[in-house]
């Protein structure tokens, strides 16, 4: 698989899942700490402010973006959209996923900035 660039990208995409899984486990632990009370949650936040965890979160974000982009690029092949008896071109399906991602992201950003 090292001789074929497509396989290398596939393996990188699969490795990104490990980082996402670790991130989600940490998130679940963080939620559990919230249930334990303010002191437990503050201690957890203190641990997550260490440089190692900050670097991990940046790497996990980059991997999540890579995973998302590669998955969205596959939608044109995996998801066949029909309008009547015609197929929507795969490029339009892929473009639609990216547009939807952008719209949802902008809505979330607007919502978050409006609350502060």
Protein backbone atom coordinates (compact mmCIF):
# COMPACT_ATOMS: atom_id res chain seq x y z
CA UNK A 1 0.00 0.00 0.00
CA UNK A 2 2.99 2.33 0.37
CA UNK A 3 3.51 2.31 -3.39
CA UNK A 4 0.07 3.73 -4.21
CA UNK A 5 -0.81 7.32 -3.20
CA UNK A 6 -4.52 6.52 -3.03
CA UNK A 7 -3.89 3.79 -0.47
CA UNK A 8 -1.67 6.09 1.57
CA UNK A 9 -4.44 8.71 1.71
CA UNK A 10 -6.89 5.98 2.69
CA UNK A 11 -4.64 4.79 5.53
CA UNK A 12 -4.12 8.36 6.76
CA UNK A 13 -7.89 8.82 6.75
CA UNK A 14 -8.33 5.66 8.82
CA UNK A 15 -5.67 6.76 11.34
CA UNK A 16 -7.53 10.04 11.82
CA UNK A 17 -10.37 8.02 13.34
CA UNK A 18 -8.15 7.05 16.28
CA UNK A 19 -7.56 10.70 17.18
CA UNK A 20 -11.27 11.47 16.85
CA UNK A 21 -12.09 8.51 19.11
CA UNK A 22 -9.64 9.71 21.77
CA UNK A 23 -11.10 13.22 21.54
CA UNK A 24 -14.61 11.82 22.05
CA UNK A 25 -13.55 9.74 25.06
CA UNK A 26 -12.01 12.86 26.63
CA UNK A 27 -15.25 14.74 25.88
CA UNK A 28 -17.28 12.03 27.62
CA UNK A 29 -14.96 12.19 30.64
CA UNK A 30 -15.37 15.96 30.65
CA UNK A 31 -19.17 15.59 30.63
CA UNK A 32 -18.89 13.13 33.51
CA UNK A 33 -16.78 15.66 35.43
CA UNK A 34 -19.51 18.27 34.97
CA UNK A 35 -21.90 15.88 36.71
CA UNK A 36 -19.40 15.47 39.57
CA UNK A 37 -19.54 19.15 40.40
CA UNK A 38 -17.76 22.45 39.74
CA UNK A 39 -14.52 21.48 41.49
CA UNK A 40 -14.11 18.26 39.50
CA UNK A 41 -14.86 20.09 36.27
CA UNK A 42 -12.40 22.88 37.09
CA UNK A 43 -9.70 20.29 37.79
CA UNK A 44 -10.43 18.64 34.45
CA UNK A 45 -10.20 21.97 32.65
CA UNK A 46 -6.88 22.62 34.36
CA UNK A 47 -5.50 19.34 33.01
CA UNK A 48 -6.82 20.09 29.52
CA UNK A 49 -5.01 23.45 29.48
CA UNK A 50 -1.61 21.75 29.40
CA UNK A 51 0.45 22.21 26.21
CA UNK A 52 0.21 18.51 25.38
CA UNK A 53 -3.59 18.54 25.35
CA UNK A 54 -3.67 21.78 23.37
CA UNK A 55 -1.41 20.25 20.71
CA UNK A 56 -3.52 17.09 20.72
CA UNK A 57 -6.70 19.14 20.16
CA UNK A 58 -5.12 21.05 17.27
CA UNK A 59 -4.00 17.76 15.67
CA UNK A 60 -7.45 16.25 16.27
CA UNK A 61 -9.07 19.30 14.63
CA UNK A 62 -6.82 19.01 11.57
CA UNK A 63 -7.57 15.28 11.33
CA UNK A 64 -11.31 15.91 11.76
CA UNK A 65 -11.21 18.42 8.90
CA UNK A 66 -9.22 15.99 6.72
CA UNK A 67 -11.65 13.19 7.54
CA UNK A 68 -14.64 15.42 6.76
CA UNK A 69 -13.25 16.70 3.45
CA UNK A 70 -12.35 13.22 2.23
CA UNK A 71 -15.76 11.89 3.24
CA UNK A 72 -17.59 14.72 1.50
CA UNK A 73 -15.56 14.10 -1.66
CA UNK A 74 -16.84 10.51 -1.64
CA UNK A 75 -20.50 11.54 -1.57
CA UNK A 76 -20.58 12.06 -5.32
CA UNK A 77 -19.71 8.40 -5.80
CA UNK A 78 -21.65 6.90 -2.88
CA UNK A 79 -24.82 8.99 -3.00
CA UNK A 80 -26.60 8.82 -6.35
CA UNK A 81 -29.22 11.57 -6.55
CA UNK A 82 -31.93 11.29 -9.16
CA UNK A 83 -34.25 14.00 -10.39
CA UNK A 84 -36.93 12.19 -12.33
CA UNK A 85 -35.13 9.89 -14.73
CA UNK A 86 -31.85 11.85 -14.72
CA UNK A 87 -28.89 11.56 -12.38
CA UNK A 88 -27.44 14.65 -10.73
CA UNK A 89 -23.75 14.89 -11.69
CA UNK A 90 -21.46 13.70 -8.86
CA UNK A 91 -19.66 17.07 -8.80
CA UNK A 92 -22.91 18.85 -7.91
CA UNK A 93 -23.59 16.38 -5.10
CA UNK A 94 -20.09 17.02 -3.68
CA UNK A 95 -20.53 20.78 -4.07
CA UNK A 96 -23.87 20.53 -2.27
CA UNK A 97 -22.29 18.81 0.74
CA UNK A 98 -19.61 21.50 0.99
CA UNK A 99 -22.18 24.29 0.66
CA UNK A 100 -24.35 22.69 3.35
CA UNK A 101 -21.30 22.33 5.61
CA UNK A 102 -20.46 26.00 5.09
CA UNK A 103 -24.02 27.18 5.78
CA UNK A 104 -24.29 25.10 8.96
CA UNK A 105 -20.84 26.29 10.11
CA UNK A 106 -21.75 29.93 9.52
CA UNK A 107 -25.03 29.47 11.39
CA UNK A 108 -23.22 27.94 14.36
CA UNK A 109 -20.62 30.73 14.30
CA UNK A 110 -23.36 33.36 14.16
CA UNK A 111 -25.17 31.66 17.05
CA UNK A 112 -22.02 31.44 19.16
CA UNK A 113 -20.97 35.04 18.53
CA UNK A 114 -24.49 36.27 19.20
CA UNK A 115 -24.47 34.68 22.66
CA UNK A 116 -21.29 36.38 23.89
